[in-house]
Amino acid sequence: MSKIVIALGGNALGNTLPEQAEAVKITSRAVVDLIEAGHQVVVAHGNGPQVGIINNAMSALQKEDPKQGFTPLSVCGAMSQAYIGYDLQNAFREELLNRGINNIPVCSIVTQVEVDPADPAFENPTKPIGKFMTEEEAKVYAEKTGYIVKEDAGRGWRRYVASPKPCHIIEAGAIRALSDDGHLVICCGGGGIPVIRTEHNHLKGVGAVIDKDFASELLAELLDADVLVILTAVEQVAINFGKPDQQNLSELTPALARQYIAEGQFAPGSMLPKVEAAVKFAESKPGRKALITLLEKAKEGIAGKTGTVIHQ
């Protein structure tokens, strides 16, 4: 039996509430396949479309009723964790029971992830969130909120936030205890709610987005997992992606992965953080490995039949 941390990509959740309700059925089958094979599983997930929807909805509410004030992005992240977790835990529970597995409780944990306030990412916000605005609307919005706004690839103006690296998962102890007790735990939604530690042990939410692959990697280290599985929209990592000489990779060593990273083979914001997270986990302790593959191929990937395995 292996202890596995799974990082679910956006294709595992869909882009709208109806899409999510359908997508989690497919996701639950892939996850329960691994549990049925005897593995201990913890699930982390993204929240890209969902947190944006919540952020836009809360902004619309503020316009309708100015007394409401602006809702911090950290709070929007917490809301997204809860409603994604609600759908996931029900889908997992249903799939488990339908297969006659009735001894595995399922739970979601609203998860905070500590970041360093001195992280250089805060000096250069790179993640656009929320709705598009005209330049005039953006300037008024920035004056009211103090948020950073920039033009987004000629499509309009949007709020931009930082993407700092995760330093510590606040609820790691609770996640470990529940997992070791046999629970299927859903956690670290959207990379976790970014928080910084202030006076008297207070945790303060910050307007940022933590990459879910880096958060999942840290979670896998803290839980002493054997395998980090990053599920995405492609079956294998490739070099020369989309070109006539595209080459799919079944295996990668950290050294070779770094060579390809230096060559610019992996797109920032897409495959690059997945490969970087996989390399970090593979190097964190002898015997650990990471797998990047398609959601529906998770079982075959763990069995060594497909996907890209990163190991020393």
C-alpha atoms as a PDB file:
ATOM      1  CA  MET A   1       0.000   0.000   0.000  1.00  0.00           C
ATOM      2  CA  SER A   2       1.221   3.489  -0.859  1.00  0.00           C
ATOM      3  CA  LYS A   3       0.282   6.778   0.728  1.00  0.00           C
ATOM      4  CA  ILE A   4      -0.750   9.035  -2.151  1.00  0.00           C
ATOM      5  CA  VAL A   5      -1.484  12.755  -2.323  1.00  0.00           C
ATOM      6  CA  ILE A   6      -3.564  13.628  -5.384  1.00  0.00           C
ATOM      7  CA  ALA A   7      -3.625  17.150  -6.819  1.00  0.00           C
ATOM      8  CA  LEU A   8      -6.768  17.547  -8.911  1.00  0.00           C
ATOM      9  CA  GLY A   9      -6.601  19.950 -11.856  1.00  0.00           C
ATOM     10  CA  GLY A  10      -9.405  22.163 -13.154  1.00  0.00           C
ATOM     11  CA  ASN A  11     -10.673  19.477 -15.539  1.00  0.00           C
ATOM     12  CA  ALA A  12     -11.655  17.462 -12.462  1.00  0.00           C
ATOM     13  CA  LEU A  13     -14.122  20.150 -11.360  1.00  0.00           C
ATOM     14  CA  GLY A  14     -15.560  21.913 -14.409  1.00  0.00           C
ATOM     15  CA  ASN A  15     -16.178  25.651 -14.777  1.00  0.00           C
ATOM     16  CA  THR A  16     -19.747  26.088 -13.503  1.00  0.00           C
ATOM     17  CA  LEU A  17     -21.901  24.587 -10.753  1.00  0.00           C
ATOM     18  CA  PRO A  18     -23.710  22.172 -13.135  1.00  0.00           C
ATOM     19  CA  GLU A  19     -20.398  21.211 -14.771  1.00  0.00           C
ATOM     20  CA  GLN A  20     -18.857  20.619 -11.355  1.00  0.00           C
ATOM     21  CA  ALA A  21     -21.697  18.334 -10.289  1.00  0.00           C
ATOM     22  CA  GLU A  22     -21.038  16.155 -13.350  1.00  0.00           C
ATOM     23  CA  ALA A  23     -17.232  16.387 -13.320  1.00  0.00           C
ATOM     24  CA  VAL A  24     -16.897  15.150  -9.734  1.00  0.00           C
ATOM     25  CA  LYS A  25     -18.615  11.880 -10.703  1.00  0.00           C
ATOM     26  CA  ILE A  26     -15.745  11.090 -13.099  1.00  0.00           C
ATOM     27  CA  THR A  27     -13.227  12.356 -10.547  1.00  0.00           C
ATOM     28  CA  SER A  28     -14.664  10.147  -7.812  1.00  0.00           C
ATOM     29  CA  ARG A  29     -14.270   7.032  -9.959  1.00  0.00           C
ATOM     30  CA  ALA A  30     -10.588   7.795 -10.577  1.00  0.00           C
ATOM     31  CA  VAL A  31      -9.895   8.435  -6.877  1.00  0.00           C
ATOM     32  CA  VAL A  32     -11.857   5.439  -5.576  1.00  0.00           C
ATOM     33  CA  ASP A  33     -10.057   3.187  -8.085  1.00  0.00           C
ATOM     34  CA  LEU A  34      -6.861   3.909  -6.121  1.00  0.00           C
ATOM     35  CA  ILE A  35      -8.547   3.349  -2.753  1.00  0.00           C
ATOM     36  CA  GLU A  36     -10.018   0.071  -3.995  1.00  0.00           C
ATOM     37  CA  ALA A  37      -6.494  -0.971  -5.012  1.00  0.00           C
ATOM     38  CA  GLY A  38      -5.462  -0.569  -1.362  1.00  0.00           C
ATOM     39  CA  HIS A  39      -3.827   2.865  -1.352  1.00  0.00           C
ATOM     40  CA  GLN A  40      -4.243   5.533   1.324  1.00  0.00           C
ATOM     41  CA  VAL A  41      -5.342   8.724  -0.442  1.00  0.00           C
ATOM     42  CA  VAL A  42      -5.497  12.429   0.418  1.00  0.00           C
ATOM     43  CA  VAL A  43      -6.994  14.818  -2.151  1.00  0.00           C
ATOM     44  CA  ALA A  44      -6.052  18.432  -2.865  1.00  0.00           C
ATOM     45  CA  HIS A  45      -7.641  20.495  -5.617  1.00  0.00           C
ATOM     46  CA  GLY A  46      -7.650  23.734  -7.566  1.00  0.00           C
ATOM     47  CA  ASN A  47     -10.338  26.424  -7.430  1.00  0.00           C
ATOM     48  CA  GLY A  48      -9.564  28.716 -10.389  1.00  0.00           C
ATOM     49  CA  PRO A  49     -12.993  29.237 -11.949  1.00  0.00           C
ATOM     50  CA  GLN A  50     -14.835  28.829  -8.655  1.00  0.00           C
ATOM     51  CA  VAL A  51     -13.013  31.487  -6.646  1.00  0.00           C
ATOM     52  CA  GLY A  52     -13.395  33.876  -9.583  1.00  0.00           C
ATOM     53  CA  ILE A  53     -17.154  33.306  -9.655  1.00  0.00           C
ATOM     54  CA  ILE A  54     -17.381  33.958  -5.919  1.00  0.00           C
ATOM     55  CA  ASN A  55     -15.199  37.052  -6.158  1.00  0.00           C
ATOM     56  CA  ASN A  56     -17.392  38.476  -8.944  1.00  0.00           C
ATOM     57  CA  ALA A  57     -20.572  37.660  -7.038  1.00  0.00           C
ATOM     58  CA  MET A  58     -19.333  39.388  -3.878  1.00  0.00           C
ATOM     59  CA  SER A  59     -18.247  42.423  -5.933  1.00  0.00           C
ATOM     60  CA  ALA A  60     -21.727  42.602  -7.462  1.00  0.00           C
ATOM     61  CA  LEU A  61     -23.242  42.426  -3.972  1.00  0.00           C
ATOM     62  CA  GLN A  62     -21.047  45.298  -2.819  1.00  0.00           C
ATOM     63  CA  LYS A  63     -22.243  47.419  -5.728  1.00  0.00           C
ATOM     64  CA  GLU A  64     -25.854  46.626  -4.890  1.00  0.00           C
ATOM     65  CA  ASP A  65     -25.365  47.259  -1.176  1.00  0.00           C
ATOM     66  CA  PRO A  66     -22.282  49.421  -0.390  1.00  0.00           C
ATOM     67  CA  LYS A  67     -22.684  48.617   3.308  1.00  0.00           C
ATOM     68  CA  GLN A  68     -21.382  45.133   2.579  1.00  0.00           C
ATOM     69  CA  GLY A  69     -17.872  46.362   1.778  1.00  0.00           C
ATOM     70  CA  PHE A  70     -15.352  44.401  -0.280  1.00  0.00           C
ATOM     71  CA  THR A  71     -14.930  40.696   0.465  1.00  0.00           C
ATOM     72  CA  PRO A  72     -11.244  39.730   0.882  1.00  0.00           C
ATOM     73  CA  LEU A  73      -9.892  37.203  -1.597  1.00  0.00           C
ATOM     74  CA  SER A  74      -8.910  34.975   1.334  1.00  0.00           C
ATOM     75  CA  VAL A  75     -12.580  34.752   2.349  1.00  0.00           C
ATOM     76  CA  CYS A  76     -13.583  33.980  -1.256  1.00  0.00           C
ATOM     77  CA  GLY A  77     -11.005  31.179  -1.180  1.00  0.00           C
ATOM     78  CA  ALA A  78     -12.522  29.760   2.002  1.00  0.00           C
ATOM     79  CA  MET A  79     -15.979  29.834   0.412  1.00  0.00           C
ATOM     80  CA  SER A  80     -14.663  27.997  -2.660  1.00  0.00           C
ATOM     81  CA  GLN A  81     -13.054  25.281  -0.523  1.00  0.00           C
ATOM     82  CA  ALA A  82     -16.353  24.624   1.200  1.00  0.00           C
ATOM     83  CA  TYR A  83     -18.554  24.378  -1.847  1.00  0.00           C
ATOM     84  CA  ILE A  84     -16.062  22.358  -3.894  1.00  0.00           C
ATOM     85  CA  GLY A  85     -15.514  20.098  -0.887  1.00  0.00           C
ATOM     86  CA  TYR A  86     -19.278  19.672  -0.531  1.00  0.00           C
ATOM     87  CA  ASP A  87     -19.572  18.263  -4.058  1.00  0.00           C
ATOM     88  CA  LEU A  88     -16.385  16.193  -3.858  1.00  0.00           C
ATOM     89  CA  GLN A  89     -17.084  14.562  -0.511  1.00  0.00           C
ATOM     90  CA  ASN A  90     -20.614  13.579  -1.559  1.00  0.00           C
ATOM     91  CA  ALA A  91     -19.368  12.161  -4.877  1.00  0.00           C
ATOM     92  CA  PHE A  92     -16.560  10.216  -3.145  1.00  0.00           C
ATOM     93  CA  ARG A  93     -18.922   8.879  -0.483  1.00  0.00           C
ATOM     94  CA  GLU A  94     -21.463   7.769  -3.088  1.00  0.00           C
ATOM     95  CA  GLU A  95     -18.810   6.016  -5.195  1.00  0.00           C
ATOM     96  CA  LEU A  96     -17.323   4.263  -2.154  1.00  0.00           C
ATOM     97  CA  LEU A  97     -20.710   3.009  -0.952  1.00  0.00           C
ATOM     98  CA  ASN A  98     -21.744   1.904  -4.442  1.00  0.00           C
ATOM     99  CA  ARG A  99     -18.642  -0.304  -4.527  1.00  0.00           C
ATOM    100  CA  GLY A 100     -19.428  -1.771  -1.125  1.00  0.00           C
ATOM    101  CA  ILE A 101     -16.705   0.189   0.681  1.00  0.00           C
ATOM    102  CA  ASN A 102     -18.480   1.442   3.792  1.00  0.00           C
ATOM    103  CA  ASN A 103     -15.623   1.837   6.268  1.00  0.00           C
ATOM    104  CA  ILE A 104     -13.967   4.985   4.864  1.00  0.00           C
ATOM    105  CA  PRO A 105     -15.418   8.284   6.151  1.00  0.00           C
ATOM    106  CA  VAL A 106     -14.993  11.307   3.864  1.00  0.00           C
ATOM    107  CA  CYS A 107     -14.389  14.865   5.048  1.00  0.00           C
ATOM    108  CA  SER A 108     -13.284  18.288   3.792  1.00  0.00           C
ATOM    109  CA  ILE A 109     -10.989  20.575   5.778  1.00  0.00           C
ATOM    110  CA  VAL A 110     -10.924  24.329   5.245  1.00  0.00           C
ATOM    111  CA  THR A 111      -7.159  24.697   4.943  1.00  0.00           C
ATOM    112  CA  GLN A 112      -4.916  27.681   5.618  1.00  0.00           C
ATOM    113  CA  VAL A 113      -1.437  27.812   4.114  1.00  0.00           C
ATOM    114  CA  GLU A 114       1.182  30.122   5.599  1.00  0.00           C
ATOM    115  CA  VAL A 115       3.233  32.266   3.237  1.00  0.00           C
ATOM    116  CA  ASP A 116       6.218  34.527   3.828  1.00  0.00           C
ATOM    117  CA  PRO A 117       5.238  38.226   3.779  1.00  0.00           C
ATOM    118  CA  ALA A 118       8.740  38.911   2.412  1.00  0.00           C
ATOM    119  CA  ASP A 119       8.221  36.558  -0.558  1.00  0.00           C
ATOM    120  CA  PRO A 120       9.428  38.409  -3.699  1.00  0.00           C
ATOM    121  CA  ALA A 121       6.165  37.424  -5.415  1.00  0.00           C
ATOM    122  CA  PHE A 122       4.398  40.191  -3.495  1.00  0.00           C
ATOM    123  CA  GLU A 123       6.544  42.747  -5.336  1.00  0.00           C
ATOM    124  CA  ASN A 124       5.327  41.518  -8.727  1.00  0.00           C
ATOM    125  CA  PRO A 125       1.702  40.282  -8.743  1.00  0.00           C
ATOM    126  CA  THR A 126       1.212  37.978 -11.742  1.00  0.00           C
ATOM    127  CA  LYS A 127      -2.176  36.297 -11.242  1.00  0.00           C
ATOM    128  CA  PRO A 128      -5.209  38.060 -12.793  1.00  0.00           C
ATOM    129  CA  ILE A 129      -8.509  37.485 -11.009  1.00  0.00           C
ATOM    130  CA  GLY A 130     -12.047  38.791 -11.248  1.00  0.00           C
ATOM    131  CA  LYS A 131     -13.906  40.461 -14.051  1.00  0.00           C
ATOM    132  CA  PHE A 132     -12.536  42.594 -16.885  1.00  0.00           C
ATOM    133  CA  MET A 133     -12.854  46.375 -16.546  1.00  0.00           C
ATOM    134  CA  THR A 134     -12.240  49.430 -18.677  1.00  0.00           C
ATOM    135  CA  GLU A 135      -9.194  51.490 -17.742  1.00  0.00           C
ATOM    136  CA  GLU A 136     -11.425  54.107 -16.134  1.00  0.00           C
ATOM    137  CA  GLU A 137     -13.349  51.511 -14.114  1.00  0.00           C
ATOM    138  CA  ALA A 138     -10.073  49.899 -13.054  1.00  0.00           C
ATOM    139  CA  LYS A 139      -8.638  53.169 -11.754  1.00  0.00           C
ATOM    140  CA  VAL A 140     -11.772  53.885  -9.693  1.00  0.00           C
ATOM    141  CA  TYR A 141     -11.716  50.308  -8.393  1.00  0.00           C
ATOM    142  CA  ALA A 142      -8.028  50.613  -7.429  1.00  0.00           C
ATOM    143  CA  GLU A 143      -8.638  53.901  -5.606  1.00  0.00           C
ATOM    144  CA  LYS A 144     -11.512  52.415  -3.605  1.00  0.00           C
ATOM    145  CA  THR A 145      -9.799  49.172  -2.679  1.00  0.00           C
ATOM    146  CA  GLY A 146      -6.051  49.779  -2.873  1.00  0.00           C
ATOM    147  CA  TYR A 147      -5.766  46.691  -5.105  1.00  0.00           C
ATOM    148  CA  ILE A 148      -3.269  46.449  -7.968  1.00  0.00           C
ATOM    149  CA  VAL A 149      -4.822  46.562 -11.445  1.00  0.00           C
ATOM    150  CA  LYS A 150      -3.145  45.916 -14.806  1.00  0.00           C
ATOM    151  CA  GLU A 151      -4.103  45.406 -18.405  1.00  0.00           C
ATOM    152  CA  ASP A 152      -4.585  41.719 -19.200  1.00  0.00           C
ATOM    153  CA  ALA A 153      -3.243  40.857 -22.678  1.00  0.00           C
ATOM    154  CA  GLY A 154      -5.233  43.574 -24.414  1.00  0.00           C
ATOM    155  CA  ARG A 155      -8.553  42.144 -23.214  1.00  0.00           C
ATOM    156  CA  GLY A 156      -9.215  44.748 -20.531  1.00  0.00           C
ATOM    157  CA  TRP A 157      -8.085  45.602 -17.026  1.00  0.00           C
ATOM    158  CA  ARG A 158      -8.205  43.228 -14.069  1.00  0.00           C
ATOM    159  CA  ARG A 159      -7.034  42.928 -10.516  1.00  0.00           C
ATOM    160  CA  TYR A 160      -3.657  41.198 -10.140  1.00  0.00           C
ATOM    161  CA  VAL A 161      -2.482  39.324  -7.051  1.00  0.00           C
ATOM    162  CA  ALA A 162       0.753  37.650  -6.002  1.00  0.00           C
ATOM    163  CA  SER A 163       1.465  33.922  -6.113  1.00  0.00           C
ATOM    164  CA  PRO A 164       3.802  33.272  -3.155  1.00  0.00           C
ATOM    165  CA  LYS A 165       5.280  29.871  -2.366  1.00  0.00           C
ATOM    166  CA  PRO A 166       3.687  27.885   0.495  1.00  0.00           C
ATOM    167  CA  CYS A 167       5.730  27.679   3.702  1.00  0.00           C
ATOM    168  CA  HIS A 168       3.530  25.666   6.054  1.00  0.00           C
ATOM    169  CA  ILE A 169       0.089  24.047   6.071  1.00  0.00           C
ATOM    170  CA  ILE A 170      -1.634  25.131   9.272  1.00  0.00           C
ATOM    171  CA  GLU A 171      -4.028  22.171   9.455  1.00  0.00           C
ATOM    172  CA  ALA A 172      -1.404  19.550   8.494  1.00  0.00           C
ATOM    173  CA  GLY A 173      -1.693  17.837  11.883  1.00  0.00           C
ATOM    174  CA  ALA A 174      -5.442  17.448  11.597  1.00  0.00           C
ATOM    175  CA  ILE A 175      -5.159  16.203   8.008  1.00  0.00           C
ATOM    176  CA  ARG A 176      -2.530  13.647   9.043  1.00  0.00           C
ATOM    177  CA  ALA A 177      -4.552  12.424  12.026  1.00  0.00           C
ATOM    178  CA  LEU A 178      -7.725  11.961   9.991  1.00  0.00           C
ATOM    179  CA  SER A 179      -5.885  10.263   7.131  1.00  0.00           C
ATOM    180  CA  ASP A 180      -4.020   7.912   9.469  1.00  0.00           C
ATOM    181  CA  ASP A 181      -7.387   7.059  11.079  1.00  0.00           C
ATOM    182  CA  GLY A 182      -8.714   5.904   7.699  1.00  0.00           C
ATOM    183  CA  HIS A 183     -10.549   8.979   6.458  1.00  0.00           C
ATOM    184  CA  LEU A 184     -10.497  10.170   2.857  1.00  0.00           C
ATOM    185  CA  VAL A 185      -9.505  13.802   3.381  1.00  0.00           C
ATOM    186  CA  ILE A 186     -10.133  16.671   0.932  1.00  0.00           C
ATOM    187  CA  CYS A 187      -7.958  19.685   1.704  1.00  0.00           C
ATOM    188  CA  CYS A 188      -5.705  22.515   0.447  1.00  0.00           C
ATOM    189  CA  GLY A 189      -8.397  23.730  -1.955  1.00  0.00           C
ATOM    190  CA  GLY A 190      -7.057  26.253  -4.441  1.00  0.00           C
ATOM    191  CA  GLY A 191      -3.592  25.899  -2.927  1.00  0.00           C
ATOM    192  CA  GLY A 192      -4.981  26.822   0.487  1.00  0.00           C
ATOM    193  CA  ILE A 193      -6.105  30.122   2.001  1.00  0.00           C
ATOM    194  CA  PRO A 194      -2.947  32.276   2.046  1.00  0.00           C
ATOM    195  CA  VAL A 195      -2.215  33.576   5.544  1.00  0.00           C
ATOM    196  CA  ILE A 196       0.647  35.311   7.313  1.00  0.00           C
ATOM    197  CA  ARG A 197       1.473  34.958  11.002  1.00  0.00           C
ATOM    198  CA  THR A 198       1.180  38.175  13.002  1.00  0.00           C
ATOM    199  CA  GLU A 199       1.350  39.073  16.697  1.00  0.00           C
ATOM    200  CA  HIS A 200      -0.130  36.783  19.349  1.00  0.00           C
ATOM    201  CA  ASN A 201      -0.326  33.824  16.923  1.00  0.00           C
ATOM    202  CA  HIS A 202      -2.943  35.542  14.787  1.00  0.00           C
ATOM    203  CA  LEU A 203      -3.240  34.323  11.198  1.00  0.00           C
ATOM    204  CA  LYS A 204      -4.162  37.069   8.766  1.00  0.00           C
ATOM    205  CA  GLY A 205      -5.490  36.317   5.287  1.00  0.00           C
ATOM    206  CA  VAL A 206      -3.707  37.977   2.370  1.00  0.00           C
ATOM    207  CA  GLY A 207      -4.874  38.721  -1.169  1.00  0.00           C
ATOM    208  CA  ALA A 208      -2.859  36.120  -3.036  1.00  0.00           C
ATOM    209  CA  VAL A 209      -3.181  32.816  -4.893  1.00  0.00           C
ATOM    210  CA  ILE A 210      -0.958  29.859  -3.979  1.00  0.00           C
ATOM    211  CA  ASP A 211      -0.279  27.424  -6.805  1.00  0.00           C
ATOM    212  CA  LYS A 212      -2.130  24.222  -5.920  1.00  0.00           C
ATOM    213  CA  ASP A 213       0.668  22.004  -7.252  1.00  0.00           C
ATOM    214  CA  PHE A 214       3.239  23.557  -4.887  1.00  0.00           C
ATOM    215  CA  ALA A 215       0.784  23.346  -1.986  1.00  0.00           C
ATOM    216  CA  SER A 216       0.074  19.700  -2.809  1.00  0.00           C
ATOM    217  CA  GLU A 217       3.806  18.977  -2.926  1.00  0.00           C
ATOM    218  CA  LEU A 218       4.292  20.506   0.521  1.00  0.00           C
ATOM    219  CA  LEU A 219       1.306  18.534   1.815  1.00  0.00           C
ATOM    220  CA  ALA A 220       2.788  15.310   0.429  1.00  0.00           C
ATOM    221  CA  GLU A 221       6.078  16.021   2.240  1.00  0.00           C
ATOM    222  CA  LEU A 222       4.354  16.826   5.545  1.00  0.00           C
ATOM    223  CA  LEU A 223       2.264  13.641   5.367  1.00  0.00           C
ATOM    224  CA  ASP A 224       5.351  11.579   4.437  1.00  0.00           C
ATOM    225  CA  ALA A 225       3.579  10.360   1.306  1.00  0.00           C
ATOM    226  CA  ASP A 226       5.152   7.873  -1.067  1.00  0.00           C
ATOM    227  CA  VAL A 227       3.682   9.318  -4.258  1.00  0.00           C
ATOM    228  CA  LEU A 228       2.492  12.742  -5.391  1.00  0.00           C
ATOM    229  CA  VAL A 229      -0.002  12.424  -8.250  1.00  0.00           C
ATOM    230  CA  ILE A 230      -0.694  15.561 -10.279  1.00  0.00           C
ATOM    231  CA  LEU A 231      -3.755  15.000 -12.448  1.00  0.00           C
ATOM    232  CA  THR A 232      -4.110  17.290 -15.423  1.00  0.00           C
ATOM    233  CA  ALA A 233      -5.532  17.480 -18.957  1.00  0.00           C
ATOM    234  CA  VAL A 234      -2.777  15.482 -20.700  1.00  0.00           C
ATOM    235  CA  GLU A 235      -1.694  11.861 -20.330  1.00  0.00           C
ATOM    236  CA  GLN A 236       2.049  12.550 -20.342  1.00  0.00           C
ATOM    237  CA  VAL A 237       4.452  15.459 -20.075  1.00  0.00           C
ATOM    238  CA  ALA A 238       5.933  16.325 -23.452  1.00  0.00           C
ATOM    239  CA  ILE A 239       8.795  18.305 -24.919  1.00  0.00           C
ATOM    240  CA  ASN A 240       8.296  20.289 -28.135  1.00  0.00           C
ATOM    241  CA  PHE A 241       4.617  20.285 -27.175  1.00  0.00           C
ATOM    242  CA  GLY A 242       2.232  20.910 -30.076  1.00  0.00           C
ATOM    243  CA  LYS A 243       5.016  20.676 -32.674  1.00  0.00           C
ATOM    244  CA  PRO A 244       5.583  17.981 -35.317  1.00  0.00           C
ATOM    245  CA  ASP A 245       8.471  16.579 -33.278  1.00  0.00           C
ATOM    246  CA  GLN A 246       6.542  16.432 -29.990  1.00  0.00           C
ATOM    247  CA  GLN A 247       7.972  13.750 -27.703  1.00  0.00           C
ATOM    248  CA  ASN A 248       5.977  12.328 -24.816  1.00  0.00           C
ATOM    249  CA  LEU A 249       7.987  11.385 -21.747  1.00  0.00           C
ATOM    250  CA  SER A 250       7.319   8.300 -19.633  1.00  0.00           C
ATOM    251  CA  GLU A 251      10.117   9.056 -17.165  1.00  0.00           C
ATOM    252  CA  LEU A 252      12.052  12.095 -15.988  1.00  0.00           C
ATOM    253  CA  THR A 253      14.953  12.479 -13.587  1.00  0.00           C
ATOM    254  CA  PRO A 254      15.234  15.778 -11.700  1.00  0.00           C
ATOM    255  CA  ALA A 255      18.400  16.615 -13.664  1.00  0.00           C
ATOM    256  CA  LEU A 256      16.745  16.057 -17.029  1.00  0.00           C
ATOM    257  CA  ALA A 257      13.651  17.951 -15.924  1.00  0.00           C
ATOM    258  CA  ARG A 258      15.833  20.951 -14.991  1.00  0.00           C
ATOM    259  CA  GLN A 259      17.483  20.804 -18.400  1.00  0.00           C
ATOM    260  CA  TYR A 260      14.104  20.940 -20.110  1.00  0.00           C
ATOM    261  CA  ILE A 261      12.970  23.740 -17.796  1.00  0.00           C
ATOM    262  CA  ALA A 262      16.071  25.756 -18.745  1.00  0.00           C
ATOM    263  CA  GLU A 263      15.219  25.190 -22.413  1.00  0.00           C
ATOM    264  CA  GLY A 264      11.732  26.643 -21.831  1.00  0.00           C
ATOM    265  CA  GLN A 265       9.989  23.386 -22.710  1.00  0.00           C
ATOM    266  CA  PHE A 266       7.190  23.804 -20.163  1.00  0.00           C
ATOM    267  CA  ALA A 267       4.683  26.658 -20.219  1.00  0.00           C
ATOM    268  CA  PRO A 268       4.574  28.946 -17.141  1.00  0.00           C
ATOM    269  CA  GLY A 269       1.234  28.763 -15.383  1.00  0.00           C
ATOM    270  CA  SER A 270       0.540  25.404 -17.036  1.00  0.00           C
ATOM    271  CA  MET A 271       2.962  22.467 -17.099  1.00  0.00           C
ATOM    272  CA  LEU A 272       5.953  24.283 -15.563  1.00  0.00           C
ATOM    273  CA  PRO A 273       4.695  24.428 -11.929  1.00  0.00           C
ATOM    274  CA  LYS A 274       3.597  20.784 -12.183  1.00  0.00           C
ATOM    275  CA  VAL A 275       7.059  19.649 -13.248  1.00  0.00           C
ATOM    276  CA  GLU A 276       8.755  21.885 -10.659  1.00  0.00           C
ATOM    277  CA  ALA A 277       6.526  20.524  -7.881  1.00  0.00           C
ATOM    278  CA  ALA A 278       7.122  16.945  -9.039  1.00  0.00           C
ATOM    279  CA  VAL A 279      10.891  17.452  -9.028  1.00  0.00           C
ATOM    280  CA  LYS A 280      10.822  18.977  -5.548  1.00  0.00           C
ATOM    281  CA  PHE A 281       8.893  16.024  -4.151  1.00  0.00           C
ATOM    282  CA  ALA A 282      11.045  13.409  -5.889  1.00  0.00           C
ATOM    283  CA  GLU A 283      14.154  14.967  -4.355  1.00  0.00           C
ATOM    284  CA  SER A 284      12.690  15.453  -0.876  1.00  0.00           C
ATOM    285  CA  LYS A 285      13.402  11.903   0.351  1.00  0.00           C
ATOM    286  CA  PRO A 286      14.835   8.708  -1.165  1.00  0.00           C
ATOM    287  CA  GLY A 287      12.186   6.466  -2.687  1.00  0.00           C
ATOM    288  CA  ARG A 288       9.620   9.167  -3.309  1.00  0.00           C
ATOM    289  CA  LYS A 289       8.218   9.686  -6.787  1.00  0.00           C
ATOM    290  CA  ALA A 290       5.750  11.926  -8.560  1.00  0.00           C
ATOM    291  CA  LEU A 291       3.344  11.085 -11.352  1.00  0.00           C
ATOM    292  CA  ILE A 292       1.806  13.518 -13.842  1.00  0.00           C
ATOM    293  CA  THR A 293      -1.034  12.141 -15.934  1.00  0.00           C
ATOM    294  CA  LEU A 294      -4.625  12.419 -17.103  1.00  0.00           C
ATOM    295  CA  LEU A 295      -7.411  12.212 -14.531  1.00  0.00           C
ATOM    296  CA  GLU A 296      -8.938   9.099 -16.084  1.00  0.00           C
ATOM    297  CA  LYS A 297      -5.529   7.363 -16.221  1.00  0.00           C
ATOM    298  CA  ALA A 298      -4.621   7.673 -12.540  1.00  0.00           C
ATOM    299  CA  LYS A 299      -4.933   3.938 -11.793  1.00  0.00           C
ATOM    300  CA  GLU A 300      -2.908   2.963 -14.872  1.00  0.00           C
ATOM    301  CA  GLY A 301      -0.319   5.604 -14.014  1.00  0.00           C
ATOM    302  CA  ILE A 302       0.191   4.271 -10.493  1.00  0.00           C
ATOM    303  CA  ALA A 303       0.566   0.810 -12.005  1.00  0.00           C
ATOM    304  CA  GLY A 304       3.346   2.143 -14.257  1.00  0.00           C
ATOM    305  CA  LYS A 305       1.387   1.748 -17.498  1.00  0.00           C
ATOM    306  CA  THR A 306       1.163   5.403 -18.492  1.00  0.00           C
ATOM    307  CA  GLY A 307       1.826   8.955 -17.367  1.00  0.00           C
ATOM    308  CA  THR A 308       5.163  10.619 -16.656  1.00  0.00           C
ATOM    309  CA  VAL A 309       7.021   9.442 -13.542  1.00  0.00           C
ATOM    310  CA  ILE A 310       9.579  11.760 -11.966  1.00  0.00           C
ATOM    311  CA  HIS A 311      12.074  10.025  -9.673  1.00  0.00           C
ATOM    312  CA  GLN A 312      15.732  10.109  -8.732  1.00  0.00           C
END
